[in-house]
Amino acid sequence: SDGTKIDQQGVLKDVGTEHEAAVVHGSYSWVDEKTGEKFTVT
């Protein structure tokens, strides 16, 4: 309710190989309590 949001999606790639890795795309944002400015990081 304070404007904070976290959103992420992940997937395993190259499953079953020695190069198997997780890849996550996401973002998080929040609102500065003093200024009301919204910050977002992708």
Full PDB file with SEQRES, HELIX, SHEET, SSBOND, CRYST1, ORIGX, SCALE, CONECT and MASTER records, all heavy atoms in Angstrom:
SEQRES   1 A   42  SER ASP GLY THR LYS ILE ASP GLN GLN GLY VAL LEU LYS          
SEQRES   2 A   42  ASP VAL GLY THR GLU HIS GLU ALA ALA VAL VAL HIS GLY          
SEQRES   3 A   42  SER TYR SER TRP VAL ASP GLU LYS THR GLY GLU LYS PHE          
SEQRES   4 A   42  THR VAL THR                                                  
SHEET    1 AA1 3 LYS A   5  LYS A  13  0                                        
SHEET    2 AA1 3 ALA A  21  VAL A  31 -1                                        
SHEET    3 AA1 3 LYS A  38  VAL A  41 -1                                        
CRYST1    1.000    1.000    1.000  90.00  90.00  90.00 P 1           1          
ORIGX1      1.000000  0.000000  0.000000        0.00000                         
ORIGX2      0.000000  1.000000  0.000000        0.00000                         
ORIGX3      0.000000  0.000000  1.000000        0.00000                         
SCALE1      1.000000  0.000000  0.000000        0.00000                         
SCALE2      0.000000  1.000000  0.000000        0.00000                         
SCALE3      0.000000  0.000000  1.000000        0.00000                         
ATOM      1  N   SER A   1       0.798  -1.224   0.000  1.00  0.00           N  
ATOM      2  CA  SER A   1       0.000   0.000   0.000  1.00  0.00           C  
ATOM      3  C   SER A   1       0.832   1.276   0.000  1.00  0.00           C  
ATOM      4  O   SER A   1       0.306   2.353  -0.265  1.00  0.00           O  
ATOM      5  CB  SER A   1      -0.941   0.000   1.209  1.00  0.00           C  
ATOM      6  OG  SER A   1      -0.194  -0.053   2.410  1.00  0.00           O  
ATOM      7  N   ASP A   2       2.123   1.189   0.273  1.00  0.00           N  
ATOM      8  CA  ASP A   2       2.967   2.386   0.266  1.00  0.00           C  
ATOM      9  C   ASP A   2       3.627   2.642  -1.082  1.00  0.00           C  
ATOM     10  O   ASP A   2       4.482   3.500  -1.216  1.00  0.00           O  
ATOM     11  CB  ASP A   2       4.031   2.303   1.363  1.00  0.00           C  
ATOM     12  CG  ASP A   2       5.020   1.170   1.141  1.00  0.00           C  
ATOM     13  OD1 ASP A   2       4.843   0.387   0.190  1.00  0.00           O  
ATOM     14  OD2 ASP A   2       5.972   1.079   1.937  1.00  0.00           O  
ATOM     15  N   GLY A   3       3.242   1.884  -2.113  1.00  0.00           N  
ATOM     16  CA  GLY A   3       3.781   2.095  -3.450  1.00  0.00           C  
ATOM     17  C   GLY A   3       4.944   1.195  -3.814  1.00  0.00           C  
ATOM     18  O   GLY A   3       5.461   1.268  -4.921  1.00  0.00           O  
ATOM     19  N   THR A   4       5.361   0.337  -2.914  1.00  0.00           N  
ATOM     20  CA  THR A   4       6.447  -0.592  -3.206  1.00  0.00           C  
ATOM     21  C   THR A   4       5.918  -1.717  -4.081  1.00  0.00           C  
ATOM     22  O   THR A   4       4.831  -2.240  -3.847  1.00  0.00           O  
ATOM     23  CB  THR A   4       7.021  -1.186  -1.901  1.00  0.00           C  
ATOM     24  OG1 THR A   4       7.528  -0.128  -1.100  1.00  0.00           O  
ATOM     25  CG2 THR A   4       8.129  -2.182  -2.186  1.00  0.00           C  
ATOM     26  N   LYS A   5       6.710  -2.069  -5.107  1.00  0.00           N  
ATOM     27  CA  LYS A   5       6.314  -3.168  -5.989  1.00  0.00           C  
ATOM     28  C   LYS A   5       7.560  -3.946  -6.399  1.00  0.00           C  
ATOM     29  O   LYS A   5       8.573  -3.352  -6.758  1.00  0.00           O  
ATOM     30  CB  LYS A   5       5.595  -2.649  -7.232  1.00  0.00           C  
ATOM     31  CG  LYS A   5       5.088  -3.767  -8.114  1.00  0.00           C  
ATOM     32  CD  LYS A   5       4.260  -3.253  -9.267  1.00  0.00           C  
ATOM     33  CE  LYS A   5       3.775  -4.430 -10.094  1.00  0.00           C  
ATOM     34  NZ  LYS A   5       3.011  -4.009 -11.264  1.00  0.00           N  
ATOM     35  N   ILE A   6       7.459  -5.257  -6.347  1.00  0.00           N  
ATOM     36  CA  ILE A   6       8.531  -6.154  -6.769  1.00  0.00           C  
ATOM     37  C   ILE A   6       7.923  -7.151  -7.745  1.00  0.00           C  
ATOM     38  O   ILE A   6       6.901  -7.767  -7.453  1.00  0.00           O  
ATOM     39  CB  ILE A   6       9.137  -6.899  -5.566  1.00  0.00           C  
ATOM     40  CG1 ILE A   6       9.670  -5.909  -4.534  1.00  0.00           C  
ATOM     41  CG2 ILE A   6      10.232  -7.858  -6.025  1.00  0.00           C  
ATOM     42  CD1 ILE A   6      10.027  -6.541  -3.206  1.00  0.00           C  
ATOM     43  N   ASP A   7       8.549  -7.286  -8.899  1.00  0.00           N  
ATOM     44  CA  ASP A   7       8.028  -8.160  -9.939  1.00  0.00           C  
ATOM     45  C   ASP A   7       9.220  -8.874 -10.582  1.00  0.00           C  
ATOM     46  O   ASP A   7      10.181  -8.214 -10.971  1.00  0.00           O  
ATOM     47  CB  ASP A   7       7.294  -7.323 -10.976  1.00  0.00           C  
ATOM     48  CG  ASP A   7       6.548  -8.140 -12.001  1.00  0.00           C  
ATOM     49  OD1 ASP A   7       6.642  -9.372 -11.991  1.00  0.00           O  
ATOM     50  OD2 ASP A   7       5.865  -7.520 -12.843  1.00  0.00           O  
ATOM     51  N   GLN A   8       9.180 -10.204 -10.664  1.00  0.00           N  
ATOM     52  CA  GLN A   8      10.287 -10.914 -11.296  1.00  0.00           C  
ATOM     53  C   GLN A   8       9.803 -12.194 -11.965  1.00  0.00           C  
ATOM     54  O   GLN A   8       8.826 -12.794 -11.535  1.00  0.00           O  
ATOM     55  CB  GLN A   8      11.394 -11.223 -10.306  1.00  0.00           C  
ATOM     56  CG  GLN A   8      11.034 -12.220  -9.234  1.00  0.00           C  
ATOM     57  CD  GLN A   8      12.234 -12.538  -8.350  1.00  0.00           C  
ATOM     58  OE1 GLN A   8      13.330 -12.037  -8.551  1.00  0.00           O  
ATOM     59  NE2 GLN A   8      12.024 -13.377  -7.367  1.00  0.00           N  
ATOM     60  N   GLN A   9      10.509 -12.558 -13.031  1.00  0.00           N  
ATOM     61  CA  GLN A   9      10.258 -13.791 -13.748  1.00  0.00           C  
ATOM     62  C   GLN A   9      11.606 -14.455 -13.978  1.00  0.00           C  
ATOM     63  O   GLN A   9      12.559 -13.792 -14.396  1.00  0.00           O  
ATOM     64  CB  GLN A   9       9.602 -13.553 -15.118  1.00  0.00           C  
ATOM     65  CG  GLN A   9       8.308 -12.782 -15.081  1.00  0.00           C  
ATOM     66  CD  GLN A   9       8.506 -11.282 -14.969  1.00  0.00           C  
ATOM     67  OE1 GLN A   9       9.406 -10.731 -15.567  1.00  0.00           O  
ATOM     68  NE2 GLN A   9       7.673 -10.633 -14.183  1.00  0.00           N  
ATOM     69  N   GLY A  10      11.671 -15.741 -13.732  1.00  0.00           N  
ATOM     70  CA  GLY A  10      12.919 -16.463 -13.926  1.00  0.00           C  
ATOM     71  C   GLY A  10      12.707 -17.721 -14.730  1.00  0.00           C  
ATOM     72  O   GLY A  10      11.612 -18.280 -14.771  1.00  0.00           O  
ATOM     73  N   VAL A  11      13.774 -18.133 -15.383  1.00  0.00           N  
ATOM     74  CA  VAL A  11      13.736 -19.346 -16.190  1.00  0.00           C  
ATOM     75  C   VAL A  11      15.117 -19.999 -16.153  1.00  0.00           C  
ATOM     76  O   VAL A  11      16.125 -19.317 -16.037  1.00  0.00           O  
ATOM     77  CB  VAL A  11      13.308 -19.027 -17.646  1.00  0.00           C  
ATOM     78  CG1 VAL A  11      14.314 -18.150 -18.357  1.00  0.00           C  
ATOM     79  CG2 VAL A  11      13.043 -20.282 -18.431  1.00  0.00           C  
ATOM     80  N   LEU A  12      15.128 -21.323 -16.202  1.00  0.00           N  
ATOM     81  CA  LEU A  12      16.385 -22.043 -16.334  1.00  0.00           C  
ATOM     82  C   LEU A  12      16.668 -22.208 -17.816  1.00  0.00           C  
ATOM     83  O   LEU A  12      15.780 -22.568 -18.588  1.00  0.00           O  
ATOM     84  CB  LEU A  12      16.299 -23.425 -15.680  1.00  0.00           C  
ATOM     85  CG  LEU A  12      16.229 -23.453 -14.166  1.00  0.00           C  
ATOM     86  CD1 LEU A  12      16.096 -24.899 -13.688  1.00  0.00           C  
ATOM     87  CD2 LEU A  12      17.452 -22.814 -13.552  1.00  0.00           C  
ATOM     88  N   LYS A  13      17.911 -21.937 -18.215  1.00  0.00           N  
ATOM     89  CA  LYS A  13      18.264 -22.136 -19.617  1.00  0.00           C  
ATOM     90  C   LYS A  13      19.361 -23.190 -19.707  1.00  0.00           C  
ATOM     91  O   LYS A  13      20.096 -23.414 -18.742  1.00  0.00           O  
ATOM     92  CB  LYS A  13      18.686 -20.826 -20.279  1.00  0.00           C  
ATOM     93  CG  LYS A  13      20.004 -20.271 -19.846  1.00  0.00           C  
ATOM     94  CD  LYS A  13      20.328 -19.033 -20.651  1.00  0.00           C  
ATOM     95  CE  LYS A  13      21.820 -18.745 -20.579  1.00  0.00           C  
ATOM     96  NZ  LYS A  13      22.202 -17.642 -21.408  1.00  0.00           N  
ATOM     97  N   ASP A  14      19.447 -23.818 -20.845  1.00  0.00           N  
ATOM     98  CA  ASP A  14      20.410 -24.888 -21.100  1.00  0.00           C  
ATOM     99  C   ASP A  14      20.298 -25.993 -20.042  1.00  0.00           C  
ATOM    100  O   ASP A  14      21.306 -26.503 -19.539  1.00  0.00           O  
ATOM    101  CB  ASP A  14      21.839 -24.346 -21.152  1.00  0.00           C  
ATOM    102  CG  ASP A  14      22.034 -23.319 -22.250  1.00  0.00           C  
ATOM    103  OD1 ASP A  14      21.383 -23.468 -23.302  1.00  0.00           O  
ATOM    104  OD2 ASP A  14      22.833 -22.386 -22.073  1.00  0.00           O  
ATOM    105  N   VAL A  15      19.061 -26.360 -19.718  1.00  0.00           N  
ATOM    106  CA  VAL A  15      18.804 -27.375 -18.690  1.00  0.00           C  
ATOM    107  C   VAL A  15      19.441 -28.703 -19.094  1.00  0.00           C  
ATOM    108  O   VAL A  15      19.351 -29.125 -20.239  1.00  0.00           O  
ATOM    109  CB  VAL A  15      17.286 -27.556 -18.479  1.00  0.00           C  
ATOM    110  CG1 VAL A  15      17.003 -28.658 -17.475  1.00  0.00           C  
ATOM    111  CG2 VAL A  15      16.663 -26.249 -18.039  1.00  0.00           C  
ATOM    112  N   GLY A  16      20.117 -29.308 -18.129  1.00  0.00           N  
ATOM    113  CA  GLY A  16      20.730 -30.604 -18.358  1.00  0.00           C  
ATOM    114  C   GLY A  16      22.117 -30.562 -18.962  1.00  0.00           C  
ATOM    115  O   GLY A  16      22.720 -31.595 -19.195  1.00  0.00           O  
ATOM    116  N   THR A  17      22.641 -29.357 -19.211  1.00  0.00           N  
ATOM    117  CA  THR A  17      23.997 -29.232 -19.744  1.00  0.00           C  
ATOM    118  C   THR A  17      24.902 -28.641 -18.676  1.00  0.00           C  
ATOM    119  O   THR A  17      24.435 -28.188 -17.632  1.00  0.00           O  
ATOM    120  CB  THR A  17      24.031 -28.316 -20.983  1.00  0.00           C  
ATOM    121  OG1 THR A  17      23.822 -26.958 -20.572  1.00  0.00           O  
ATOM    122  CG2 THR A  17      22.969 -28.712 -21.998  1.00  0.00           C  
ATOM    123  N   GLU A  18      26.181 -28.605 -18.951  1.00  0.00           N  
ATOM    124  CA  GLU A  18      27.090 -27.999 -17.981  1.00  0.00           C  
ATOM    125  C   GLU A  18      26.986 -26.474 -17.979  1.00  0.00           C  
ATOM    126  O   GLU A  18      27.539 -25.813 -17.128  1.00  0.00           O  
ATOM    127  CB  GLU A  18      28.535 -28.437 -18.223  1.00  0.00           C  
ATOM    128  CG  GLU A  18      29.169 -27.885 -19.489  1.00  0.00           C  
ATOM    129  CD  GLU A  18      30.614 -28.324 -19.639  1.00  0.00           C  
ATOM    130  OE1 GLU A  18      30.874 -29.539 -19.593  1.00  0.00           O  
ATOM    131  OE2 GLU A  18      31.466 -27.442 -19.790  1.00  0.00           O  
ATOM    132  N   HIS A  19      26.234 -25.921 -18.930  1.00  0.00           N  
ATOM    133  CA  HIS A  19      26.040 -24.471 -19.011  1.00  0.00           C  
ATOM    134  C   HIS A  19      24.668 -24.042 -18.475  1.00  0.00           C  
ATOM    135  O   HIS A  19      24.206 -22.940 -18.754  1.00  0.00           O  
ATOM    136  CB  HIS A  19      26.199 -23.996 -20.456  1.00  0.00           C  
ATOM    137  CG  HIS A  19      27.539 -24.309 -21.028  1.00  0.00           C  
ATOM    138  ND1 HIS A  19      28.688 -23.694 -20.616  1.00  0.00           N  
ATOM    139  CD2 HIS A  19      27.913 -25.221 -21.964  1.00  0.00           C  
ATOM    140  CE1 HIS A  19      29.717 -24.180 -21.278  1.00  0.00           C  
ATOM    141  NE2 HIS A  19      29.276 -25.115 -22.093  1.00  0.00           N  
ATOM    142  N   GLU A  20      24.031 -24.921 -17.711  1.00  0.00           N  
ATOM    143  CA  GLU A  20      22.723 -24.596 -17.142  1.00  0.00           C  
ATOM    144  C   GLU A  20      22.844 -23.349 -16.286  1.00  0.00           C  
ATOM    145  O   GLU A  20      23.786 -23.191 -15.514  1.00  0.00           O  
ATOM    146  CB  GLU A  20      22.241 -25.763 -16.294  1.00  0.00           C  
ATOM    147  CG  GLU A  20      20.856 -25.582 -15.737  1.00  0.00           C  
ATOM    148  CD  GLU A  20      20.362 -26.833 -15.035  1.00  0.00           C  
ATOM    149  OE1 GLU A  20      20.344 -27.914 -15.654  1.00  0.00           O  
ATOM    150  OE2 GLU A  20      20.002 -26.705 -13.851  1.00  0.00           O  
ATOM    151  N   ALA A  21      21.896 -22.439 -16.456  1.00  0.00           N  
ATOM    152  CA  ALA A  21      21.937 -21.191 -15.697  1.00  0.00           C  
ATOM    153  C   ALA A  21      20.522 -20.663 -15.497  1.00  0.00           C  
ATOM    154  O   ALA A  21      19.626 -20.949 -16.280  1.00  0.00           O  
ATOM    155  CB  ALA A  21      22.768 -20.141 -16.434  1.00  0.00           C  
ATOM    156  N   ALA A  22      20.357 -19.905 -14.442  1.00  0.00           N  
ATOM    157  CA  ALA A  22      19.088 -19.226 -14.192  1.00  0.00           C  
ATOM    158  C   ALA A  22      19.179 -17.814 -14.745  1.00  0.00           C  
ATOM    159  O   ALA A  22      20.210 -17.149 -14.623  1.00  0.00           O  
ATOM    160  CB  ALA A  22      18.797 -19.188 -12.705  1.00  0.00           C  
ATOM    161  N   VAL A  23      18.100 -17.362 -15.360  1.00  0.00           N  
ATOM    162  CA  VAL A  23      18.015 -16.000 -15.875  1.00  0.00           C  
ATOM    163  C   VAL A  23      16.769 -15.367 -15.267  1.00  0.00           C  
ATOM    164  O   VAL A  23      15.675 -15.912 -15.390  1.00  0.00           O  
ATOM    165  CB  VAL A  23      17.912 -15.976 -17.414  1.00  0.00           C  
ATOM    166  CG1 VAL A  23      17.791 -14.549 -17.920  1.00  0.00           C  
ATOM    167  CG2 VAL A  23      19.104 -16.681 -18.041  1.00  0.00           C  
ATOM    168  N   VAL A  24      16.955 -14.242 -14.599  1.00  0.00           N  
ATOM    169  CA  VAL A  24      15.836 -13.558 -13.958  1.00  0.00           C  
ATOM    170  C   VAL A  24      15.723 -12.147 -14.532  1.00  0.00           C  
ATOM    171  O   VAL A  24      16.704 -11.415 -14.615  1.00  0.00           O  
ATOM    172  CB  VAL A  24      16.030 -13.467 -12.427  1.00  0.00           C  
ATOM    173  CG1 VAL A  24      14.861 -12.753 -11.785  1.00  0.00           C  
ATOM    174  CG2 VAL A  24      16.215 -14.852 -11.842  1.00  0.00           C  
ATOM    175  N   HIS A  25      14.526 -11.792 -14.952  1.00  0.00           N  
ATOM    176  CA  HIS A  25      14.202 -10.433 -15.380  1.00  0.00           C  
ATOM    177  C   HIS A  25      13.220  -9.895 -14.359  1.00  0.00           C  
ATOM    178  O   HIS A  25      12.273 -10.589 -13.983  1.00  0.00           O  
ATOM    179  CB  HIS A  25      13.540 -10.431 -16.767  1.00  0.00           C  
ATOM    180  CG  HIS A  25      14.440 -10.878 -17.863  1.00  0.00           C  
ATOM    181  ND1 HIS A  25      15.171  -9.994 -18.617  1.00  0.00           N  
ATOM    182  CD2 HIS A  25      14.757 -12.115 -18.314  1.00  0.00           C  
ATOM    183  CE1 HIS A  25      15.888 -10.657 -19.496  1.00  0.00           C  
ATOM    184  NE2 HIS A  25      15.658 -11.958 -19.333  1.00  0.00           N  
ATOM    185  N   GLY A  26      13.440  -8.684 -13.904  1.00  0.00           N  
ATOM    186  CA  GLY A  26      12.528  -8.160 -12.911  1.00  0.00           C  
ATOM    187  C   GLY A  26      12.652  -6.671 -12.719  1.00  0.00           C  
ATOM    188  O   GLY A  26      13.425  -5.984 -13.396  1.00  0.00           O  
ATOM    189  N   SER A  27      11.884  -6.195 -11.774  1.00  0.00           N  
ATOM    190  CA  SER A  27      11.929  -4.779 -11.406  1.00  0.00           C  
ATOM    191  C   SER A  27      11.451  -4.638  -9.968  1.00  0.00           C  
ATOM    192  O   SER A  27      10.744  -5.498  -9.450  1.00  0.00           O  
ATOM    193  CB  SER A  27      11.045  -3.948 -12.333  1.00  0.00           C  
ATOM    194  OG  SER A  27       9.685  -4.293 -12.162  1.00  0.00           O  
ATOM    195  N   TYR A  28      11.895  -3.565  -9.358  1.00  0.00           N  
ATOM    196  CA  TYR A  28      11.357  -3.190  -8.057  1.00  0.00           C  
ATOM    197  C   TYR A  28      11.277  -1.683  -8.007  1.00  0.00           C  
ATOM    198  O   TYR A  28      12.064  -0.967  -8.621  1.00  0.00           O  
ATOM    199  CB  TYR A  28      12.153  -3.774  -6.889  1.00  0.00           C  
ATOM    200  CG  TYR A  28      13.633  -3.506  -6.889  1.00  0.00           C  
ATOM    201  CD1 TYR A  28      14.170  -2.430  -6.188  1.00  0.00           C  
ATOM    202  CD2 TYR A  28      14.511  -4.341  -7.559  1.00  0.00           C  
ATOM    203  CE1 TYR A  28      15.529  -2.193  -6.166  1.00  0.00           C  
ATOM    204  CE2 TYR A  28      15.867  -4.126  -7.547  1.00  0.00           C  
ATOM    205  CZ  TYR A  28      16.381  -3.045  -6.846  1.00  0.00           C  
ATOM    206  OH  TYR A  28      17.729  -2.818  -6.834  1.00  0.00           O  
ATOM    207  N   SER A  29      10.267  -1.190  -7.329  1.00  0.00           N  
ATOM    208  CA  SER A  29      10.070   0.252  -7.227  1.00  0.00           C  
ATOM    209  C   SER A  29       9.563   0.600  -5.841  1.00  0.00           C  
ATOM    210  O   SER A  29       9.008  -0.245  -5.141  1.00  0.00           O  
ATOM    211  CB  SER A  29       9.096   0.745  -8.304  1.00  0.00           C  
ATOM    212  OG  SER A  29       7.856   0.099  -8.187  1.00  0.00           O  
ATOM    213  N   TRP A  30       9.802   1.834  -5.458  1.00  0.00           N  
ATOM    214  CA  TRP A  30       9.362   2.334  -4.169  1.00  0.00           C  
ATOM    215  C   TRP A  30       9.150   3.835  -4.283  1.00  0.00           C  
ATOM    216  O   TRP A  30       9.608   4.475  -5.219  1.00  0.00           O  
ATOM    217  CB  TRP A  30      10.377   2.014  -3.071  1.00  0.00           C  
ATOM    218  CG  TRP A  30      11.676   2.753  -3.206  1.00  0.00           C  
ATOM    219  CD1 TRP A  30      12.016   3.914  -2.584  1.00  0.00           C  
ATOM    220  CD2 TRP A  30      12.790   2.416  -4.034  1.00  0.00           C  
ATOM    221  NE1 TRP A  30      13.277   4.318  -2.968  1.00  0.00           N  
ATOM    222  CE2 TRP A  30      13.770   3.397  -3.852  1.00  0.00           C  
ATOM    223  CE3 TRP A  30      13.048   1.368  -4.919  1.00  0.00           C  
ATOM    224  CZ2 TRP A  30      14.983   3.371  -4.525  1.00  0.00           C  
ATOM    225  CZ3 TRP A  30      14.261   1.341  -5.576  1.00  0.00           C  
ATOM    226  CH2 TRP A  30      15.208   2.323  -5.375  1.00  0.00           C  
ATOM    227  N   VAL A  31       8.444   4.388  -3.323  1.00  0.00           N  
ATOM    228  CA  VAL A  31       8.173   5.828  -3.280  1.00  0.00           C  
ATOM    229  C   VAL A  31       8.912   6.401  -2.083  1.00  0.00           C  
ATOM    230  O   VAL A  31       8.778   5.900  -0.959  1.00  0.00           O  
ATOM    231  CB  VAL A  31       6.658   6.099  -3.160  1.00  0.00           C  
ATOM    232  CG1 VAL A  31       6.385   7.581  -3.034  1.00  0.00           C  
ATOM    233  CG2 VAL A  31       5.916   5.498  -4.354  1.00  0.00           C  
ATOM    234  N   ASP A  32       9.708   7.446  -2.333  1.00  0.00           N  
ATOM    235  CA  ASP A  32      10.430   8.112  -1.249  1.00  0.00           C  
ATOM    236  C   ASP A  32       9.420   8.774  -0.319  1.00  0.00           C  
ATOM    237  O   ASP A  32       8.569   9.550  -0.755  1.00  0.00           O  
ATOM    238  CB  ASP A  32      11.391   9.154  -1.817  1.00  0.00           C  
ATOM    239  CG  ASP A  32      12.242   9.803  -0.758  1.00  0.00           C  
ATOM    240  OD1 ASP A  32      11.694  10.625   0.013  1.00  0.00           O  
ATOM    241  OD2 ASP A  32      13.448   9.505  -0.685  1.00  0.00           O  
ATOM    242  N   GLU A  33       9.502   8.457   0.961  1.00  0.00           N  
ATOM    243  CA  GLU A  33       8.532   8.984   1.931  1.00  0.00           C  
ATOM    244  C   GLU A  33       8.589  10.499   2.065  1.00  0.00           C  
ATOM    245  O   GLU A  33       7.576  11.145   2.308  1.00  0.00           O  
ATOM    246  CB  GLU A  33       8.766   8.352   3.296  1.00  0.00           C  
ATOM    247  CG  GLU A  33       8.439   6.884   3.341  1.00  0.00           C  
ATOM    248  CD  GLU A  33       8.748   6.277   4.700  1.00  0.00           C  
ATOM    249  OE1 GLU A  33       9.327   6.959   5.565  1.00  0.00           O  
ATOM    250  OE2 GLU A  33       8.391   5.108   4.890  1.00  0.00           O  
ATOM    251  N   LYS A  34       9.767  11.085   1.928  1.00  0.00           N  
ATOM    252  CA  LYS A  34       9.916  12.527   2.127  1.00  0.00           C  
ATOM    253  C   LYS A  34       9.529  13.335   0.900  1.00  0.00           C  
ATOM    254  O   LYS A  34       8.895  14.373   1.021  1.00  0.00           O  
ATOM    255  CB  LYS A  34      11.350  12.847   2.543  1.00  0.00           C  
ATOM    256  CG  LYS A  34      11.698  12.280   3.901  1.00  0.00           C  
ATOM    257  CD  LYS A  34      13.116  12.589   4.284  1.00  0.00           C  
ATOM    258  CE  LYS A  34      13.417  11.935   5.635  1.00  0.00           C  
ATOM    259  NZ  LYS A  34      14.813  12.041   5.990  1.00  0.00           N  
ATOM    260  N   THR A  35       9.939  12.866  -0.289  1.00  0.00           N  
ATOM    261  CA  THR A  35       9.698  13.650  -1.504  1.00  0.00           C  
ATOM    262  C   THR A  35       8.505  13.169  -2.314  1.00  0.00           C  
ATOM    263  O   THR A  35       8.009  13.904  -3.168  1.00  0.00           O  
ATOM    264  CB  THR A  35      10.936  13.610  -2.416  1.00  0.00           C  
ATOM    265  OG1 THR A  35      11.122  12.262  -2.885  1.00  0.00           O  
ATOM    266  CG2 THR A  35      12.183  14.094  -1.697  1.00  0.00           C  
ATOM    267  N   GLY A  36       8.077  11.924  -2.089  1.00  0.00           N  
ATOM    268  CA  GLY A  36       6.991  11.362  -2.876  1.00  0.00           C  
ATOM    269  C   GLY A  36       7.442  10.893  -4.252  1.00  0.00           C  
ATOM    270  O   GLY A  36       6.632  10.449  -5.059  1.00  0.00           O  
ATOM    271  N   GLU A  37       8.743  10.986  -4.527  1.00  0.00           N  
ATOM    272  CA  GLU A  37       9.272  10.577  -5.825  1.00  0.00           C  
ATOM    273  C   GLU A  37       9.318   9.052  -5.920  1.00  0.00           C  
ATOM    274  O   GLU A  37       9.703   8.369  -4.978  1.00  0.00           O  
ATOM    275  CB  GLU A  37      10.676  11.136  -6.015  1.00  0.00           C  
ATOM    276  CG  GLU A  37      11.287  10.843  -7.358  1.00  0.00           C  
ATOM    277  CD  GLU A  37      12.669  11.472  -7.522  1.00  0.00           C  
ATOM    278  OE1 GLU A  37      13.180  12.121  -6.594  1.00  0.00           O  
ATOM    279  OE2 GLU A  37      13.236  11.280  -8.614  1.00  0.00           O  
ATOM    280  N   LYS A  38       8.920   8.526  -7.089  1.00  0.00           N  
ATOM    281  CA  LYS A  38       8.936   7.080  -7.304  1.00  0.00           C  
ATOM    282  C   LYS A  38      10.241   6.688  -7.991  1.00  0.00           C  
ATOM    283  O   LYS A  38      10.659   7.321  -8.958  1.00  0.00           O  
ATOM    284  CB  LYS A  38       7.758   6.660  -8.179  1.00  0.00           C  
ATOM    285  CG  LYS A  38       7.683   5.173  -8.396  1.00  0.00           C  
ATOM    286  CD  LYS A  38       6.448   4.787  -9.196  1.00  0.00           C  
ATOM    287  CE  LYS A  38       6.385   3.286  -9.367  1.00  0.00           C  
ATOM    288  NZ  LYS A  38       5.168   2.875 -10.050  1.00  0.00           N  
ATOM    289  N   PHE A  39      10.883   5.667  -7.488  1.00  0.00           N  
ATOM    290  CA  PHE A  39      12.115   5.133  -8.048  1.00  0.00           C  
ATOM    291  C   PHE A  39      11.851   3.722  -8.543  1.00  0.00           C  
ATOM    292  O   PHE A  39      11.165   2.942  -7.870  1.00  0.00           O  
ATOM    293  CB  PHE A  39      13.225   5.091  -6.991  1.00  0.00           C  
ATOM    294  CG  PHE A  39      13.645   6.439  -6.512  1.00  0.00           C  
ATOM    295  CD1 PHE A  39      13.068   6.994  -5.383  1.00  0.00           C  
ATOM    296  CD2 PHE A  39      14.611   7.165  -7.196  1.00  0.00           C  
ATOM    297  CE1 PHE A  39      13.453   8.250  -4.934  1.00  0.00           C  
ATOM    298  CE2 PHE A  39      15.005   8.414  -6.756  1.00  0.00           C  
ATOM    299  CZ  PHE A  39      14.422   8.960  -5.624  1.00  0.00           C  
ATOM    300  N   THR A  40      12.387   3.401  -9.704  1.00  0.00           N  
ATOM    301  CA  THR A  40      12.215   2.064 -10.271  1.00  0.00           C  
ATOM    302  C   THR A  40      13.553   1.546 -10.768  1.00  0.00           C  
ATOM    303  O   THR A  40      14.302   2.269 -11.415  1.00  0.00           O  
ATOM    304  CB  THR A  40      11.210   2.079 -11.439  1.00  0.00           C  
ATOM    305  OG1 THR A  40       9.950   2.543 -10.948  1.00  0.00           O  
ATOM    306  CG2 THR A  40      11.029   0.704 -12.040  1.00  0.00           C  
ATOM    307  N   VAL A  41      13.827   0.307 -10.449  1.00  0.00           N  
ATOM    308  CA  VAL A  41      15.012  -0.385 -10.943  1.00  0.00           C  
ATOM    309  C   VAL A  41      14.532  -1.599 -11.724  1.00  0.00           C  
ATOM    310  O   VAL A  41      13.730  -2.384 -11.222  1.00  0.00           O  
ATOM    311  CB  VAL A  41      15.927  -0.847  -9.782  1.00  0.00           C  
ATOM    312  CG1 VAL A  41      17.083  -1.680 -10.309  1.00  0.00           C  
ATOM    313  CG2 VAL A  41      16.433   0.343  -8.990  1.00  0.00           C  
ATOM    314  N   THR A  42      14.982  -1.729 -12.966  1.00  0.00           N  
ATOM    315  CA  THR A  42      14.751  -2.940 -13.734  1.00  0.00           C  
ATOM    316  C   THR A  42      16.083  -3.683 -13.798  1.00  0.00           C  
ATOM    317  O   THR A  42      17.147  -3.058 -13.740  1.00  0.00           O  
ATOM    318  CB  THR A  42      14.243  -2.636 -15.154  1.00  0.00           C  
ATOM    319  OG1 THR A  42      15.190  -1.818 -15.822  1.00  0.00           O  
ATOM    320  CG2 THR A  42      12.899  -1.951 -15.121  1.00  0.00           C  
TER     321      THR A  42                                                      
MASTER        0    0    0    0    3    0    0    6  320    1    0    4          
END                                                                             
